[in-house]
Amino acid sequence: MFKNKLSQSHAWGEFYTLRLMHRHIGAIAVLILISLLSSLSGTPLNHTISNPWEGFLWGLADPVIGLNCLVGIVAIGLLSSLFVRGAAIAGCFVLGTVLGIVIHLFQLNLPGTEIAIAISTIVFGTMLMMPNQPNFIVLALVGISAGLFQGYADAESIIGAGMMPLIAYILGMTLTLFAVAMSAREIGIAMGMGEINQILPWKISIAGFAFCAIGIVFLSNSII
């Protein structure tokens, strides 16, 4: 009787985890679709922000409008699931993004932004395809670097905005970055990426290959 209850509880836990993973996958798929539609429709990346509400809305939208930036966030979320304290890696990425915004606002030059974002996407995709677990510190540093360039690129839209729109923009961006990264992390955990000596599921490897391909395309466009 007791064993039956444990078995039923375990089965229910697995069902709930699978259902939750599907929800996260669906949410990220919708964001990727929005990003693709935005790219195809030519949605302007540079926009004027005149009040806190516009700042908050564009802060929510900017990280997912650019497909290259979006897949980078998803990739670092998947990679963070390899570690017990992997949420800190997502935090490093967000911190780097905010620092990138600050650097741009202080009119400090950070050359090759688009190229750096594309390269970081390729690096994340390569890490997802590697059978060995990446080093925590190395991944955190790469996350900070990627966030730095992404924040610098996104800050173009808030040049000249007031203090309140700027704060609202950073708040909106932080919410989106954490939501996407942590959703990807939950997907990775549900697929068993965090288990010791676990071979990465083939679906994750395919995702890493796709991220590399996207990064290469954007890198080629940036160089040309």
C-alpha atoms as a PDB file:
ATOM      1  CA  MET A   1       0.000   0.000   0.000  1.00  0.00           C
ATOM      2  CA  PHE A   2       2.748   2.399   0.996  1.00  0.00           C
ATOM      3  CA  LYS A   3       4.795   1.483  -2.107  1.00  0.00           C
ATOM      4  CA  ASN A   4       1.753   2.089  -4.321  1.00  0.00           C
ATOM      5  CA  LYS A   5       1.309   5.555  -2.878  1.00  0.00           C
ATOM      6  CA  LEU A   6       4.987   6.341  -3.431  1.00  0.00           C
ATOM      7  CA  SER A   7       4.747   5.070  -7.005  1.00  0.00           C
ATOM      8  CA  GLN A   8       1.662   7.184  -7.683  1.00  0.00           C
ATOM      9  CA  SER A   9       3.314  10.234  -6.116  1.00  0.00           C
ATOM     10  CA  HIS A  10       6.450   9.730  -8.238  1.00  0.00           C
ATOM     11  CA  ALA A  11       4.376   9.305 -11.407  1.00  0.00           C
ATOM     12  CA  TRP A  12       2.413  12.463 -10.611  1.00  0.00           C
ATOM     13  CA  GLY A  13       5.664  14.359  -9.998  1.00  0.00           C
ATOM     14  CA  GLU A  14       7.051  13.259 -13.359  1.00  0.00           C
ATOM     15  CA  PHE A  15       3.792  14.250 -15.097  1.00  0.00           C
ATOM     16  CA  TYR A  16       3.832  17.690 -13.467  1.00  0.00           C
ATOM     17  CA  THR A  17       7.497  18.211 -14.404  1.00  0.00           C
ATOM     18  CA  LEU A  18       6.827  17.193 -18.010  1.00  0.00           C
ATOM     19  CA  ARG A  19       3.799  19.470 -18.216  1.00  0.00           C
ATOM     20  CA  LEU A  20       5.769  22.373 -16.776  1.00  0.00           C
ATOM     21  CA  MET A  21       8.603  21.761 -19.252  1.00  0.00           C
ATOM     22  CA  HIS A  22       6.143  21.822 -22.153  1.00  0.00           C
ATOM     23  CA  ARG A  23       4.795  25.157 -20.933  1.00  0.00           C
ATOM     24  CA  HIS A  24       8.302  26.621 -20.821  1.00  0.00           C
ATOM     25  CA  ILE A  25       9.063  25.253 -24.279  1.00  0.00           C
ATOM     26  CA  GLY A  26       5.817  26.714 -25.608  1.00  0.00           C
ATOM     27  CA  ALA A  27       6.567  30.124 -24.115  1.00  0.00           C
ATOM     28  CA  ILE A  28      10.076  30.222 -25.607  1.00  0.00           C
ATOM     29  CA  ALA A  29       8.731  29.008 -28.971  1.00  0.00           C
ATOM     30  CA  VAL A  30       6.271  31.917 -28.977  1.00  0.00           C
ATOM     31  CA  LEU A  31       9.089  34.366 -28.217  1.00  0.00           C
ATOM     32  CA  ILE A  32      11.182  32.933 -31.052  1.00  0.00           C
ATOM     33  CA  LEU A  33       8.186  33.299 -33.398  1.00  0.00           C
ATOM     34  CA  ILE A  34       7.750  36.930 -32.315  1.00  0.00           C
ATOM     35  CA  SER A  35      11.451  37.523 -32.908  1.00  0.00           C
ATOM     36  CA  LEU A  36      11.262  35.993 -36.396  1.00  0.00           C
ATOM     37  CA  LEU A  37       8.167  38.016 -37.315  1.00  0.00           C
ATOM     38  CA  SER A  38       9.818  41.187 -36.027  1.00  0.00           C
ATOM     39  CA  SER A  39      12.899  40.502 -38.157  1.00  0.00           C
ATOM     40  CA  LEU A  40      10.827  39.747 -41.274  1.00  0.00           C
ATOM     41  CA  SER A  41       8.592  42.792 -40.826  1.00  0.00           C
ATOM     42  CA  GLY A  42      11.543  45.090 -40.365  1.00  0.00           C
ATOM     43  CA  THR A  43      10.566  46.276 -36.891  1.00  0.00           C
ATOM     44  CA  PRO A  44      12.913  49.174 -36.051  1.00  0.00           C
ATOM     45  CA  LEU A  45      15.411  48.346 -33.346  1.00  0.00           C
ATOM     46  CA  ASN A  46      16.093  52.026 -32.683  1.00  0.00           C
ATOM     47  CA  HIS A  47      13.064  53.684 -31.143  1.00  0.00           C
ATOM     48  CA  THR A  48      12.287  56.805 -29.150  1.00  0.00           C
ATOM     49  CA  ILE A  49      11.363  56.422 -25.477  1.00  0.00           C
ATOM     50  CA  SER A  50       9.696  59.482 -23.965  1.00  0.00           C
ATOM     51  CA  ASN A  51       8.098  58.211 -20.739  1.00  0.00           C
ATOM     52  CA  PRO A  52       8.503  55.430 -18.133  1.00  0.00           C
ATOM     53  CA  TRP A  53       5.696  53.306 -19.602  1.00  0.00           C
ATOM     54  CA  GLU A  54       7.335  53.236 -23.029  1.00  0.00           C
ATOM     55  CA  GLY A  55      10.656  52.528 -21.335  1.00  0.00           C
ATOM     56  CA  PHE A  56       9.201  49.550 -19.463  1.00  0.00           C
ATOM     57  CA  LEU A  57       7.476  48.110 -22.553  1.00  0.00           C
ATOM     58  CA  TRP A  58      10.567  48.424 -24.748  1.00  0.00           C
ATOM     59  CA  GLY A  59      12.653  46.980 -21.935  1.00  0.00           C
ATOM     60  CA  LEU A  60      10.409  43.923 -21.996  1.00  0.00           C
ATOM     61  CA  ALA A  61      10.529  43.675 -25.798  1.00  0.00           C
ATOM     62  CA  ASP A  62      14.117  44.496 -26.777  1.00  0.00           C
ATOM     63  CA  PRO A  63      15.738  41.253 -25.531  1.00  0.00           C
ATOM     64  CA  VAL A  64      13.379  39.110 -27.634  1.00  0.00           C
ATOM     65  CA  ILE A  65      13.075  41.236 -30.789  1.00  0.00           C
ATOM     66  CA  GLY A  66      16.554  40.346 -32.011  1.00  0.00           C
ATOM     67  CA  LEU A  67      16.764  36.613 -32.759  1.00  0.00           C
ATOM     68  CA  ASN A  68      20.525  36.554 -32.203  1.00  0.00           C
ATOM     69  CA  CYS A  69      20.115  38.027 -28.717  1.00  0.00           C
ATOM     70  CA  LEU A  70      17.166  35.790 -27.848  1.00  0.00           C
ATOM     71  CA  VAL A  71      18.917  32.504 -28.659  1.00  0.00           C
ATOM     72  CA  GLY A  72      21.896  33.661 -26.597  1.00  0.00           C
ATOM     73  CA  ILE A  73      19.639  34.097 -23.565  1.00  0.00           C
ATOM     74  CA  VAL A  74      18.037  30.686 -24.109  1.00  0.00           C
ATOM     75  CA  ALA A  75      21.448  29.053 -24.545  1.00  0.00           C
ATOM     76  CA  ILE A  76      22.883  30.475 -21.331  1.00  0.00           C
ATOM     77  CA  GLY A  77      19.720  29.397 -19.511  1.00  0.00           C
ATOM     78  CA  LEU A  78      20.169  25.823 -20.744  1.00  0.00           C
ATOM     79  CA  LEU A  79      23.837  25.866 -19.786  1.00  0.00           C
ATOM     80  CA  SER A  80      23.037  27.178 -16.307  1.00  0.00           C
ATOM     81  CA  SER A  81      20.998  24.018 -15.631  1.00  0.00           C
ATOM     82  CA  LEU A  82      24.268  22.090 -15.457  1.00  0.00           C
ATOM     83  CA  PHE A  83      25.017  23.643 -12.065  1.00  0.00           C
ATOM     84  CA  VAL A  84      23.203  23.614  -8.737  1.00  0.00           C
ATOM     85  CA  ARG A  85      23.768  27.357  -8.382  1.00  0.00           C
ATOM     86  CA  GLY A  86      23.314  27.954 -12.099  1.00  0.00           C
ATOM     87  CA  ALA A  87      20.889  30.805 -11.465  1.00  0.00           C
ATOM     88  CA  ALA A  88      23.977  32.870 -10.617  1.00  0.00           C
ATOM     89  CA  ILE A  89      25.127  32.463 -14.229  1.00  0.00           C
ATOM     90  CA  ALA A  90      21.888  34.000 -15.459  1.00  0.00           C
ATOM     91  CA  GLY A  91      22.442  36.738 -12.891  1.00  0.00           C
ATOM     92  CA  CYS A  92      25.916  37.388 -14.323  1.00  0.00           C
ATOM     93  CA  PHE A  93      24.396  37.738 -17.789  1.00  0.00           C
ATOM     94  CA  VAL A  94      21.815  40.251 -16.537  1.00  0.00           C
ATOM     95  CA  LEU A  95      24.504  42.155 -14.622  1.00  0.00           C
ATOM     96  CA  GLY A  96      26.622  42.332 -17.768  1.00  0.00           C
ATOM     97  CA  THR A  97      23.636  43.650 -19.721  1.00  0.00           C
ATOM     98  CA  VAL A  98      23.042  46.461 -17.218  1.00  0.00           C
ATOM     99  CA  LEU A  99      26.755  47.328 -17.261  1.00  0.00           C
ATOM    100  CA  GLY A 100      26.620  47.457 -21.065  1.00  0.00           C
ATOM    101  CA  ILE A 101      23.764  49.969 -20.874  1.00  0.00           C
ATOM    102  CA  VAL A 102      25.718  52.099 -18.403  1.00  0.00           C
ATOM    103  CA  ILE A 103      28.817  52.023 -20.621  1.00  0.00           C
ATOM    104  CA  HIS A 104      26.779  53.252 -23.583  1.00  0.00           C
ATOM    105  CA  LEU A 105      25.104  55.987 -21.542  1.00  0.00           C
ATOM    106  CA  PHE A 106      28.521  57.263 -20.483  1.00  0.00           C
ATOM    107  CA  GLN A 107      29.405  57.372 -24.202  1.00  0.00           C
ATOM    108  CA  LEU A 108      32.272  54.909 -23.842  1.00  0.00           C
ATOM    109  CA  ASN A 109      33.117  53.166 -27.088  1.00  0.00           C
ATOM    110  CA  LEU A 110      32.613  49.396 -27.284  1.00  0.00           C
ATOM    111  CA  PRO A 111      33.493  48.404 -30.877  1.00  0.00           C
ATOM    112  CA  GLY A 112      32.288  45.352 -32.792  1.00  0.00           C
ATOM    113  CA  THR A 113      29.076  44.947 -30.802  1.00  0.00           C
ATOM    114  CA  GLU A 114      27.107  42.926 -33.346  1.00  0.00           C
ATOM    115  CA  ILE A 115      30.118  40.731 -34.113  1.00  0.00           C
ATOM    116  CA  ALA A 116      30.676  40.061 -30.399  1.00  0.00           C
ATOM    117  CA  ILE A 117      27.015  39.113 -29.867  1.00  0.00           C
ATOM    118  CA  ALA A 118      27.157  36.696 -32.820  1.00  0.00           C
ATOM    119  CA  ILE A 119      30.402  35.152 -31.553  1.00  0.00           C
ATOM    120  CA  SER A 120      28.975  34.692 -28.051  1.00  0.00           C
ATOM    121  CA  THR A 121      25.962  32.899 -29.559  1.00  0.00           C
ATOM    122  CA  ILE A 122      28.324  30.552 -31.409  1.00  0.00           C
ATOM    123  CA  VAL A 123      30.299  29.940 -28.196  1.00  0.00           C
ATOM    124  CA  PHE A 124      27.124  29.110 -26.241  1.00  0.00           C
ATOM    125  CA  GLY A 125      25.936  26.777 -28.986  1.00  0.00           C
ATOM    126  CA  THR A 126      29.314  25.033 -29.042  1.00  0.00           C
ATOM    127  CA  MET A 127      29.186  24.557 -25.269  1.00  0.00           C
ATOM    128  CA  LEU A 128      25.766  22.929 -25.597  1.00  0.00           C
ATOM    129  CA  MET A 129      27.177  20.413 -28.084  1.00  0.00           C
ATOM    130  CA  MET A 130      30.205  19.537 -25.942  1.00  0.00           C
ATOM    131  CA  PRO A 131      29.934  16.262 -23.981  1.00  0.00           C
ATOM    132  CA  ASN A 132      31.903  17.640 -21.027  1.00  0.00           C
ATOM    133  CA  GLN A 133      30.485  20.067 -18.498  1.00  0.00           C
ATOM    134  CA  PRO A 134      31.886  23.598 -18.953  1.00  0.00           C
ATOM    135  CA  ASN A 135      33.727  25.335 -16.130  1.00  0.00           C
ATOM    136  CA  PHE A 136      31.419  27.425 -13.928  1.00  0.00           C
ATOM    137  CA  ILE A 137      33.739  30.455 -13.783  1.00  0.00           C
ATOM    138  CA  VAL A 138      34.419  30.378 -17.534  1.00  0.00           C
ATOM    139  CA  LEU A 139      30.694  30.216 -18.297  1.00  0.00           C
ATOM    140  CA  ALA A 140      29.979  33.073 -15.885  1.00  0.00           C
ATOM    141  CA  LEU A 141      32.673  35.243 -17.510  1.00  0.00           C
ATOM    142  CA  VAL A 142      31.363  34.462 -20.997  1.00  0.00           C
ATOM    143  CA  GLY A 143      27.866  35.313 -19.757  1.00  0.00           C
ATOM    144  CA  ILE A 144      29.014  38.683 -18.417  1.00  0.00           C
ATOM    145  CA  SER A 145      30.829  39.448 -21.685  1.00  0.00           C
ATOM    146  CA  ALA A 146      27.806  38.492 -23.813  1.00  0.00           C
ATOM    147  CA  GLY A 147      25.483  40.545 -21.621  1.00  0.00           C
ATOM    148  CA  LEU A 148      27.859  43.508 -21.794  1.00  0.00           C
ATOM    149  CA  PHE A 149      27.663  43.704 -25.580  1.00  0.00           C
ATOM    150  CA  GLN A 150      23.941  43.036 -25.690  1.00  0.00           C
ATOM    151  CA  GLY A 151      23.241  45.788 -23.169  1.00  0.00           C
ATOM    152  CA  TYR A 152      25.476  48.157 -25.117  1.00  0.00           C
ATOM    153  CA  ALA A 153      23.540  47.408 -28.321  1.00  0.00           C
ATOM    154  CA  ASP A 154      20.108  47.751 -26.693  1.00  0.00           C
ATOM    155  CA  ALA A 155      21.036  51.040 -24.990  1.00  0.00           C
ATOM    156  CA  GLU A 156      20.964  52.770 -28.379  1.00  0.00           C
ATOM    157  CA  SER A 157      17.195  53.141 -27.997  1.00  0.00           C
ATOM    158  CA  ILE A 158      17.333  55.004 -24.679  1.00  0.00           C
ATOM    159  CA  ILE A 159      19.976  57.597 -25.487  1.00  0.00           C
ATOM    160  CA  GLY A 160      18.555  60.947 -24.436  1.00  0.00           C
ATOM    161  CA  ALA A 161      15.767  59.456 -22.304  1.00  0.00           C
ATOM    162  CA  GLY A 162      15.148  60.742 -18.780  1.00  0.00           C
ATOM    163  CA  MET A 163      16.076  58.997 -15.551  1.00  0.00           C
ATOM    164  CA  MET A 164      12.642  57.428 -14.912  1.00  0.00           C
ATOM    165  CA  PRO A 165      12.260  55.990 -18.442  1.00  0.00           C
ATOM    166  CA  LEU A 166      15.802  54.619 -18.098  1.00  0.00           C
ATOM    167  CA  ILE A 167      15.014  52.908 -14.777  1.00  0.00           C
ATOM    168  CA  ALA A 168      11.768  51.514 -16.207  1.00  0.00           C
ATOM    169  CA  TYR A 169      13.635  50.232 -19.278  1.00  0.00           C
ATOM    170  CA  ILE A 170      16.253  48.423 -17.187  1.00  0.00           C
ATOM    171  CA  LEU A 171      13.524  46.942 -14.975  1.00  0.00           C
ATOM    172  CA  GLY A 172      11.584  45.627 -17.981  1.00  0.00           C
ATOM    173  CA  MET A 173      14.723  44.209 -19.578  1.00  0.00           C
ATOM    174  CA  THR A 174      15.776  42.510 -16.342  1.00  0.00           C
ATOM    175  CA  LEU A 175      12.366  40.842 -16.013  1.00  0.00           C
ATOM    176  CA  THR A 176      12.485  39.507 -19.575  1.00  0.00           C
ATOM    177  CA  LEU A 177      16.078  38.292 -19.314  1.00  0.00           C
ATOM    178  CA  PHE A 178      15.438  36.435 -16.065  1.00  0.00           C
ATOM    179  CA  ALA A 179      12.112  34.993 -17.282  1.00  0.00           C
ATOM    180  CA  VAL A 180      13.591  33.598 -20.504  1.00  0.00           C
ATOM    181  CA  ALA A 181      16.848  32.391 -18.946  1.00  0.00           C
ATOM    182  CA  MET A 182      15.143  30.704 -15.991  1.00  0.00           C
ATOM    183  CA  SER A 183      12.532  29.082 -18.258  1.00  0.00           C
ATOM    184  CA  ALA A 184      15.349  27.644 -20.368  1.00  0.00           C
ATOM    185  CA  ARG A 185      17.070  26.517 -17.165  1.00  0.00           C
ATOM    186  CA  GLU A 186      13.924  24.660 -16.061  1.00  0.00           C
ATOM    187  CA  ILE A 187      13.772  22.938 -19.451  1.00  0.00           C
ATOM    188  CA  GLY A 188      17.396  21.847 -19.084  1.00  0.00           C
ATOM    189  CA  ILE A 189      16.814  20.537 -15.556  1.00  0.00           C
ATOM    190  CA  ALA A 190      13.699  18.634 -16.654  1.00  0.00           C
ATOM    191  CA  MET A 191      15.691  16.991 -19.454  1.00  0.00           C
ATOM    192  CA  GLY A 192      18.351  15.817 -17.011  1.00  0.00           C
ATOM    193  CA  MET A 193      21.185  18.124 -18.078  1.00  0.00           C
ATOM    194  CA  GLY A 194      22.171  18.728 -14.488  1.00  0.00           C
ATOM    195  CA  GLU A 195      22.797  15.087 -13.600  1.00  0.00           C
ATOM    196  CA  ILE A 196      26.436  14.141 -13.061  1.00  0.00           C
ATOM    197  CA  ASN A 197      28.108  12.359 -15.986  1.00  0.00           C
ATOM    198  CA  GLN A 198      24.881  12.584 -17.956  1.00  0.00           C
ATOM    199  CA  ILE A 199      25.279  12.709 -21.725  1.00  0.00           C
ATOM    200  CA  LEU A 200      23.453  15.743 -23.086  1.00  0.00           C
ATOM    201  CA  PRO A 201      20.129  14.773 -24.656  1.00  0.00           C
ATOM    202  CA  TRP A 202      20.271  14.786 -28.432  1.00  0.00           C
ATOM    203  CA  LYS A 203      17.604  17.487 -28.548  1.00  0.00           C
ATOM    204  CA  ILE A 204      19.881  19.823 -26.586  1.00  0.00           C
ATOM    205  CA  SER A 205      22.736  19.034 -28.966  1.00  0.00           C
ATOM    206  CA  ILE A 206      20.495  19.885 -31.922  1.00  0.00           C
ATOM    207  CA  ALA A 207      19.549  23.151 -30.205  1.00  0.00           C
ATOM    208  CA  GLY A 208      23.247  23.925 -29.746  1.00  0.00           C
ATOM    209  CA  PHE A 209      23.870  23.243 -33.439  1.00  0.00           C
ATOM    210  CA  ALA A 210      20.951  25.534 -34.373  1.00  0.00           C
ATOM    211  CA  PHE A 211      22.309  28.294 -32.118  1.00  0.00           C
ATOM    212  CA  CYS A 212      25.721  27.989 -33.750  1.00  0.00           C
ATOM    213  CA  ALA A 213      24.122  28.233 -37.195  1.00  0.00           C
ATOM    214  CA  ILE A 214      22.170  31.350 -36.211  1.00  0.00           C
ATOM    215  CA  GLY A 215      25.307  32.912 -34.752  1.00  0.00           C
ATOM    216  CA  ILE A 216      27.289  32.169 -37.918  1.00  0.00           C
ATOM    217  CA  VAL A 217      24.593  33.765 -40.098  1.00  0.00           C
ATOM    218  CA  PHE A 218      24.547  36.917 -37.985  1.00  0.00           C
ATOM    219  CA  LEU A 219      28.338  36.974 -37.870  1.00  0.00           C
ATOM    220  CA  SER A 220      28.509  36.791 -41.654  1.00  0.00           C
ATOM    221  CA  ASN A 221      25.983  39.626 -41.980  1.00  0.00           C
ATOM    222  CA  SER A 222      27.893  41.740 -39.454  1.00  0.00           C
ATOM    223  CA  ILE A 223      31.207  41.258 -41.255  1.00  0.00           C
ATOM    224  CA  ILE A 224      29.728  41.916 -44.681  1.00  0.00           C
END
